Protein backbone atom coordinates (compact mmCIF):
# COMPACT_ATOMS: atom_id res chain seq x y z
CA UNK A 1 36.13 102.12 46.23
CA UNK A 2 37.42 105.46 45.10
CA UNK A 3 35.06 107.99 43.68
CA UNK A 4 36.85 108.18 40.37
CA UNK A 5 37.09 104.42 39.83
CA UNK A 6 34.73 102.65 37.45
CA UNK A 7 31.50 101.80 39.17
CA UNK A 8 32.04 104.47 41.69
CA UNK A 9 29.04 106.37 40.55
CA UNK A 10 28.90 110.06 40.36
CA UNK A 11 30.09 110.64 43.91
CA UNK A 12 32.69 113.32 44.63
CA UNK A 13 35.07 113.82 47.59
CA UNK A 14 32.60 116.26 49.20
CA UNK A 15 30.17 113.43 49.82
CA UNK A 16 27.63 114.53 47.22
CA UNK A 17 26.64 113.80 43.70
CA UNK A 18 28.89 114.57 40.91
CA UNK A 19 26.78 117.32 39.66
CA UNK A 20 26.87 119.19 42.99
CA UNK A 21 29.66 121.68 43.94
CA UNK A 22 31.52 122.06 47.26
CA UNK A 23 29.46 122.80 50.41
CA UNK A 24 28.47 126.40 51.14
CA UNK A 25 30.75 127.99 53.79
CA UNK A 26 28.09 130.46 54.83
CA UNK A 27 25.75 127.63 55.65
CA UNK A 28 28.41 125.87 57.72
CA UNK A 29 29.19 129.07 59.65
CA UNK A 30 25.50 129.63 60.39
CA UNK A 31 25.17 126.10 61.73
CA UNK A 32 28.16 126.62 64.02
CA UNK A 33 26.74 129.92 65.23
CA UNK A 34 23.42 128.29 65.97
CA UNK A 35 25.09 125.57 68.02
CA UNK A 36 27.05 128.13 70.07
CA UNK A 37 23.90 130.16 70.65
CA UNK A 38 22.16 127.09 71.88
CA UNK A 39 24.97 126.39 74.32
CA UNK A 40 25.04 129.95 75.79
CA UNK A 41 21.25 130.39 75.71
CA UNK A 42 21.14 133.13 73.09
CA UNK A 43 18.95 133.40 70.04
CA UNK A 44 17.85 135.75 67.31
CA UNK A 45 15.12 136.27 64.80
CA UNK A 46 15.09 135.74 61.09
CA UNK A 47 16.64 132.30 61.36
CA UNK A 48 20.02 133.75 62.62
CA UNK A 49 21.67 133.16 66.02
CA UNK A 50 23.67 135.95 67.94
CA UNK A 51 25.44 136.60 71.28
CA UNK A 52 23.56 138.24 74.12
CA UNK A 53 24.82 141.59 75.53
CA UNK A 54 25.48 140.01 78.96
CA UNK A 55 27.70 137.38 77.45
CA UNK A 56 29.63 139.98 75.51
CA UNK A 57 30.16 142.08 78.65
CA UNK A 58 31.32 139.04 80.60
CA UNK A 59 33.83 138.21 77.89
CA UNK A 60 35.10 141.79 77.83
CA UNK A 61 35.53 141.88 81.64
CA UNK A 62 37.40 138.58 81.53
CA UNK A 63 39.69 139.82 78.83
CA UNK A 64 40.40 143.03 80.81
CA UNK A 65 41.21 141.04 83.96
CA UNK A 66 43.54 138.76 82.02
CA UNK A 67 45.19 141.75 80.38
CA UNK A 68 45.84 143.51 83.70
CA UNK A 69 47.00 140.26 85.28
CA UNK A 70 49.68 139.75 82.67
CA UNK A 71 50.97 143.30 83.28
CA UNK A 72 51.83 142.78 87.00
CA UNK A 73 55.46 141.91 87.84
CA UNK A 74 57.87 142.16 90.81
CA UNK A 75 61.54 143.15 91.09
CA UNK A 76 63.80 141.80 93.85
CA UNK A 77 66.11 144.02 95.91
CA UNK A 78 69.13 143.20 93.73
CA UNK A 79 67.29 143.77 90.45
CA UNK A 80 66.51 146.83 88.35
CA UNK A 81 64.01 146.98 85.48
CA UNK A 82 64.35 148.56 82.03
CA UNK A 83 61.07 149.33 80.24
CA UNK A 84 60.87 148.93 76.46
CA UNK A 85 57.83 150.76 75.09
CA UNK A 86 57.10 149.58 71.56
CA UNK A 87 60.72 148.42 71.46
CA UNK A 88 62.26 151.73 72.60
CA UNK A 89 64.11 151.76 75.92
CA UNK A 90 62.92 154.28 78.49
CA UNK A 91 65.43 156.27 80.51
CA UNK A 92 63.62 155.77 83.82
CA UNK A 93 64.87 152.69 85.65
CA UNK A 94 62.31 150.65 87.59
CA UNK A 95 63.30 150.14 91.22
CA UNK A 96 62.62 147.00 93.34
CA UNK A 97 59.02 146.29 94.33
CA UNK A 98 55.65 145.40 92.79
CA UNK A 99 54.91 147.17 89.48
CA UNK A 100 52.50 147.07 86.52
CA UNK A 101 53.06 147.79 82.86
CA UNK A 102 50.60 147.38 80.02
CA UNK A 103 51.31 144.13 78.18
CA UNK A 104 52.05 144.23 74.48
CA UNK A 105 52.78 147.95 74.80
CA UNK A 106 55.58 147.65 77.34
CA UNK A 107 58.16 144.93 77.91
CA UNK A 108 60.34 144.88 81.04
CA UNK A 109 63.88 143.47 81.14
CA UNK A 110 65.28 142.60 84.59
CA UNK A 111 68.97 143.21 85.32
CA UNK A 112 70.87 142.12 88.49
CA UNK A 113 73.02 145.06 89.60
CA UNK A 114 74.53 143.55 92.78
CA UNK A 115 75.83 140.19 91.57
CA UNK A 116 79.63 140.16 91.30
CA UNK A 117 80.54 138.74 87.92
CA UNK A 118 83.98 137.37 87.04
CA UNK A 119 85.99 137.27 83.82
CA UNK A 120 89.29 135.38 83.43
CA UNK A 121 91.84 136.23 80.79
CA UNK A 122 95.23 134.71 79.96
CA UNK A 123 97.69 135.55 77.18
CA UNK A 124 101.37 135.77 76.20
CA UNK A 125 102.54 139.37 76.02
CA UNK A 126 105.65 141.32 75.09
CA UNK A 127 107.20 143.57 77.74
CA UNK A 128 109.02 146.86 77.27
CA UNK A 129 112.44 145.17 77.41
CA UNK A 130 111.36 142.75 74.63
CA UNK A 131 110.72 139.74 76.84
CA UNK A 132 107.70 137.46 76.65
CA UNK A 133 105.64 136.82 79.78
CA UNK A 134 102.60 134.67 80.41
CA UNK A 135 100.00 136.74 82.30
CA UNK A 136 96.64 135.60 83.63
CA UNK A 137 94.23 137.85 85.48
CA UNK A 138 90.68 137.92 86.83
CA UNK A 139 88.32 140.86 86.41
CA UNK A 140 85.42 141.29 88.83
CA UNK A 141 82.60 143.54 87.65
CA UNK A 142 79.01 144.59 88.26
CA UNK A 143 76.33 146.31 86.17
CA UNK A 144 76.40 150.05 86.81
CA UNK A 145 73.83 151.29 84.30
CA UNK A 146 71.17 148.74 83.23
CA UNK A 147 69.99 150.82 80.24
CA UNK A 148 73.49 151.09 78.75
CA UNK A 149 74.20 147.45 79.55
CA UNK A 150 71.12 146.29 77.58
CA UNK A 151 70.97 148.86 74.77
CA UNK A 152 74.25 150.61 73.99
CA UNK A 153 76.39 147.50 73.30
CA UNK A 154 75.24 144.34 71.57
CA UNK A 155 77.28 141.97 73.75
CA UNK A 156 78.83 143.65 76.81
CA UNK A 157 80.74 140.53 77.90
CA UNK A 158 82.58 140.25 74.60
CA UNK A 159 83.35 143.98 74.72
CA UNK A 160 84.68 143.52 78.26
CA UNK A 161 86.93 140.66 77.15
CA UNK A 162 88.38 142.70 74.26
CA UNK A 163 88.87 145.79 76.43
CA UNK A 164 90.61 143.69 79.11
CA UNK A 165 93.12 142.30 76.63
CA UNK A 166 93.77 145.76 75.17
CA UNK A 167 94.33 147.37 78.58
CA UNK A 168 96.55 144.52 79.80
CA UNK A 169 98.73 144.56 76.68
CA UNK A 170 99.14 148.32 76.92
CA UNK A 171 100.24 148.21 80.57
CA UNK A 172 102.50 145.15 80.23
CA UNK A 173 104.05 146.56 77.07
CA UNK A 174 105.00 149.69 79.02
CA UNK A 175 106.66 147.75 81.88
CA UNK A 176 109.80 145.69 82.27
CA UNK A 177 109.83 141.94 82.78
CA UNK A 178 111.09 142.13 86.37
CA UNK A 179 108.35 144.57 87.27
CA UNK A 180 105.65 142.38 85.74
CA UNK A 181 106.83 139.15 87.35
CA UNK A 182 108.05 140.27 90.78
CA UNK A 183 107.08 143.23 92.91
CA UNK A 184 105.23 145.32 90.31
CA UNK A 185 102.19 143.08 89.90
CA UNK A 186 99.99 145.06 92.30
CA UNK A 187 100.75 148.36 90.57
CA UNK A 188 100.09 146.77 87.18
CA UNK A 189 96.71 145.47 88.38
CA UNK A 190 95.70 148.95 89.54
CA UNK A 191 96.77 150.53 86.26
CA UNK A 192 94.93 147.89 84.22
CA UNK A 193 91.76 148.50 86.25
CA UNK A 194 91.88 152.26 85.65
CA UNK A 195 92.53 151.90 81.92
CA UNK A 196 89.90 149.18 81.52
CA UNK A 197 87.27 151.32 83.24
CA UNK A 198 88.11 154.20 80.91
CA UNK A 199 87.61 151.95 77.89
CA UNK A 200 84.26 150.62 79.14
CA UNK A 201 82.95 154.09 79.92
CA UNK A 202 83.87 155.30 76.44
CA UNK A 203 82.07 152.30 74.93
CA UNK A 204 78.98 152.92 77.07
CA UNK A 205 78.75 149.34 78.34
CA UNK A 206 77.27 150.27 81.72
CA UNK A 207 79.82 148.03 83.50
CA UNK A 208 81.72 148.97 86.67
CA UNK A 209 85.03 147.22 87.42
CA UNK A 210 85.28 146.24 91.09
CA UNK A 211 88.68 144.57 91.18
CA UNK A 212 91.45 143.34 88.89
CA UNK A 213 93.70 140.57 90.25
CA UNK A 214 96.89 139.37 88.58
CA UNK A 215 96.63 135.64 89.25
CA UNK A 216 99.94 134.62 87.68
CA UNK A 217 102.74 136.25 85.75
CA UNK A 218 105.69 134.11 84.73
CA UNK A 219 108.05 133.62 81.82
CA UNK A 220 107.18 131.01 79.20
CA UNK A 221 107.89 127.38 80.04
CA UNK A 222 110.81 127.26 77.60
CA UNK A 223 112.89 129.73 79.64
CA UNK A 224 111.39 129.24 83.10
CA UNK A 225 114.35 127.25 84.50
CA UNK A 226 116.88 129.91 83.50
CA UNK A 227 114.68 132.61 84.92
CA UNK A 228 114.38 130.73 88.23
CA UNK A 229 118.18 130.54 88.46
CA UNK A 230 118.45 134.29 87.95
CA UNK A 231 115.84 134.93 90.61
CA UNK A 232 117.62 132.65 93.05
CA UNK A 233 120.89 134.55 92.49
CA UNK A 234 119.11 137.82 93.14
CA UNK A 235 117.62 136.43 96.34
CA UNK A 236 121.07 135.29 97.52
CA UNK A 237 122.45 138.75 96.78
CA UNK A 238 119.67 140.40 98.73
CA UNK A 239 120.12 138.00 101.65
CA UNK A 240 123.85 138.81 101.81
CA UNK A 241 123.08 142.52 101.78
CA UNK A 242 120.55 142.05 104.57
CA UNK A 243 123.09 140.10 106.67
CA UNK A 244 125.67 142.86 106.20
CA UNK A 245 123.15 145.50 107.16
CA UNK A 246 122.16 143.50 110.24
CA UNK A 247 125.81 143.20 111.31
CA UNK A 248 126.33 146.91 110.77
CA UNK A 249 123.22 147.67 112.78
CA UNK A 250 124.57 145.54 115.65
CA UNK A 251 128.13 146.96 115.63
CA UNK A 252 127.37 150.63 115.10
CA UNK A 253 125.08 151.02 118.14
CA UNK A 254 127.63 149.22 120.31
CA UNK A 255 130.42 151.55 119.15
CA UNK A 256 128.19 154.54 119.67
CA UNK A 257 127.36 153.32 123.16
CA UNK A 258 131.05 152.87 124.01
CA UNK A 259 131.84 156.34 122.67
CA UNK A 260 129.01 157.82 124.70
CA UNK A 261 130.28 155.97 127.77
CA UNK A 262 133.76 157.47 127.37
CA UNK A 263 132.25 160.89 126.85
CA UNK A 264 130.20 160.50 130.02
CA UNK A 265 133.25 159.32 131.99
CA UNK A 266 135.29 162.27 130.72
CA UNK A 267 132.49 164.63 131.64
CA UNK A 268 132.25 163.08 135.10
CA UNK A 269 136.02 163.37 135.60
CA UNK A 270 135.93 166.97 134.43
CA UNK A 271 133.12 167.76 136.85
CA UNK A 272 135.00 165.98 139.64
CA UNK A 273 138.23 167.91 139.03
CA UNK A 274 136.38 171.21 138.79
CA UNK A 275 134.43 170.49 141.97
CA UNK A 276 137.62 169.47 143.81
CA UNK A 277 139.44 172.58 142.62
CA UNK A 278 136.55 174.76 143.64
CA UNK A 279 136.45 173.01 147.03
CA UNK A 280 140.17 173.48 147.54
CA UNK A 281 139.92 177.12 146.59
CA UNK A 282 137.02 177.62 148.97
CA UNK A 283 138.93 175.77 151.70
CA UNK A 284 142.00 177.89 151.11
CA UNK A 285 139.90 181.03 151.34
CA UNK A 286 138.43 179.91 154.65
CA UNK A 287 141.86 178.92 155.97
CA UNK A 288 143.24 182.29 155.00
CA UNK A 289 140.52 183.96 156.99
CA UNK A 290 141.30 181.79 160.02
CA UNK A 291 145.02 182.32 159.55
CA UNK A 292 144.57 186.06 159.60
CA UNK A 293 142.70 185.75 162.90
CA UNK A 294 145.15 183.32 164.60
CA UNK A 295 148.33 182.83 162.63
CA UNK A 296 150.30 180.49 164.93
CA UNK A 297 147.42 178.26 165.86
CA UNK A 298 146.32 177.93 162.27
CA UNK A 299 149.85 177.24 161.10
CA UNK A 300 150.39 174.58 163.74
CA UNK A 301 147.13 172.97 162.89
CA UNK A 302 147.99 172.86 159.21
CA UNK A 303 151.36 171.37 160.03
CA UNK A 304 149.79 168.72 162.21
CA UNK A 305 147.25 167.82 159.57
CA UNK A 306 149.97 167.56 156.93
CA UNK A 307 152.10 165.34 159.14
CA UNK A 308 149.14 163.17 159.97
CA UNK A 309 148.36 162.70 156.31
CA UNK A 310 152.00 161.97 155.49
CA UNK A 311 152.71 159.60 158.38
CA UNK A 312 149.56 157.61 157.71
CA UNK A 313 151.03 156.59 154.34
CA UNK A 314 154.68 155.99 155.42
CA UNK A 315 156.21 152.96 157.16
CA UNK A 316 159.38 154.71 158.48
CA UNK A 317 159.83 158.17 159.90
CA UNK A 318 163.12 159.80 161.00
CA UNK A 319 163.04 162.99 163.05
CA UNK A 320 166.16 165.18 163.40
CA UNK A 321 166.76 166.42 166.96
CA UNK A 322 167.94 169.97 167.32
CA UNK A 323 171.42 170.39 168.84
CA UNK A 324 172.55 166.79 168.51
CA UNK A 325 173.30 163.97 166.13
CA UNK A 326 170.72 161.63 167.52
CA UNK A 327 167.82 160.74 165.32
CA UNK A 328 164.44 159.52 166.48
CA UNK A 329 163.34 156.44 164.57
CA UNK A 330 159.75 155.41 164.59
CA UNK A 331 159.22 151.82 163.26
CA UNK A 332 155.78 152.36 161.90
CA UNK A 333 156.18 149.31 159.65
CA UNK A 334 156.45 147.08 162.72
CA UNK A 335 153.45 148.74 164.20
CA UNK A 336 151.59 148.02 161.01
CA UNK A 337 152.74 144.36 160.91
CA UNK A 338 151.99 143.81 164.54
CA UNK A 339 148.59 145.31 164.13
CA UNK A 340 147.92 143.08 161.13
CA UNK A 341 149.27 139.99 162.91
CA UNK A 342 147.61 140.69 166.21
CA UNK A 343 144.41 141.74 164.57
CA UNK A 344 144.62 145.32 165.88
CA UNK A 345 141.97 147.64 164.64
CA UNK A 346 142.42 150.87 162.79
CA UNK A 347 141.53 152.74 165.97
CA UNK A 348 144.67 151.43 167.74
CA UNK A 349 146.91 152.62 164.94
CA UNK A 350 145.18 155.99 164.99
CA UNK A 351 145.70 156.30 168.75
CA UNK A 352 149.43 155.54 168.33
CA UNK A 353 149.69 158.22 165.66
CA UNK A 354 147.94 160.65 167.99
CA UNK A 355 150.49 159.89 170.71
CA UNK A 356 153.34 160.59 168.31
CA UNK A 357 151.74 163.80 167.21
CA UNK A 358 151.28 164.81 170.84
CA UNK A 359 154.97 164.26 171.43
CA UNK A 360 155.79 166.42 168.46
CA UNK A 361 153.51 169.11 169.74
CA UNK A 362 155.23 169.04 173.11
CA UNK A 363 158.61 169.40 171.48
CA UNK A 364 157.39 172.25 169.35
CA UNK A 365 155.97 173.93 172.44
CA UNK A 366 159.27 173.52 174.35
CA UNK A 367 161.23 174.97 171.48
CA UNK A 368 163.41 171.94 170.84
CA UNK A 369 162.58 171.92 167.14
CA UNK A 370 163.47 174.64 164.80
CA UNK A 371 161.01 177.46 164.29
CA UNK A 372 161.08 176.94 160.59
CA UNK A 373 159.42 173.57 160.98
């Protein structure tokens, strides 16, 4: 029954009589101290119980060991440590390895400086020629300065996202639609990377941009079909130009080669004529020398050579006989036909010509022909 119900007596919730107050806390603490002293083997005079000096030293040593144990930490090769002493960041960066910092006083934040992080961004943007393009890109970045990354900016990733959009809109807004969509994407990516790094350095984010890739740049879906038709027409135009250039490249070298061939033939003919003229002049000079030494013999020899050259190309020869109306007829055409029919060699024809020439020489020697010939 409850203590305040009728018949409950004068009991109170402290387990005593109604006239007694709450238990004495000092007495309870002394009892607890006595029990602990009994457990650890300590005691004291005057009815009180205390800790022994050995026990106190053991507790102190244990606390020191625990304190130093909590202060040991290790950094991997890809990590750097930032020390916060009473909440203030220290400028010295902790390098990889085994280190110790006093707990409670110092706190160490670990930052991975080699991991390649990625940020994707996509948005509709207005170009310089007032066209709308849909651009998506990927930014790859690493932590360059761990202290700035942890302290200078509250949320570096959000700052990176905002700076990326600002840099991309600035570059796309300064470029034409064709440049953004077609062959200018690489140059735009480089310019965005440079501008984005400038923004992040001015903010003090401690982030280094490794690479900016333009994943896709296209017109909005509402006008994509019309844009594809325009691009196809441009490709057809370029293909026609390339075919014309290829044909020109095939015809022009051929014409140049033919022109060079004619020039070479003309040069060869010129050299041939000059060489022949020089040879004839040299031959004439030598003949003149021989003629001056033996006029008649040289003249007869020249006459014989001329007749031999002439008769070898003629089929009929008529020779006028001095002092009469008879004419010597030499049927050289028959000789030629007979030699061709009979299979005579060139040597037989040459021997016949020699015989004729010998007869002419005999007549010249006997004086039957005129001196003028």
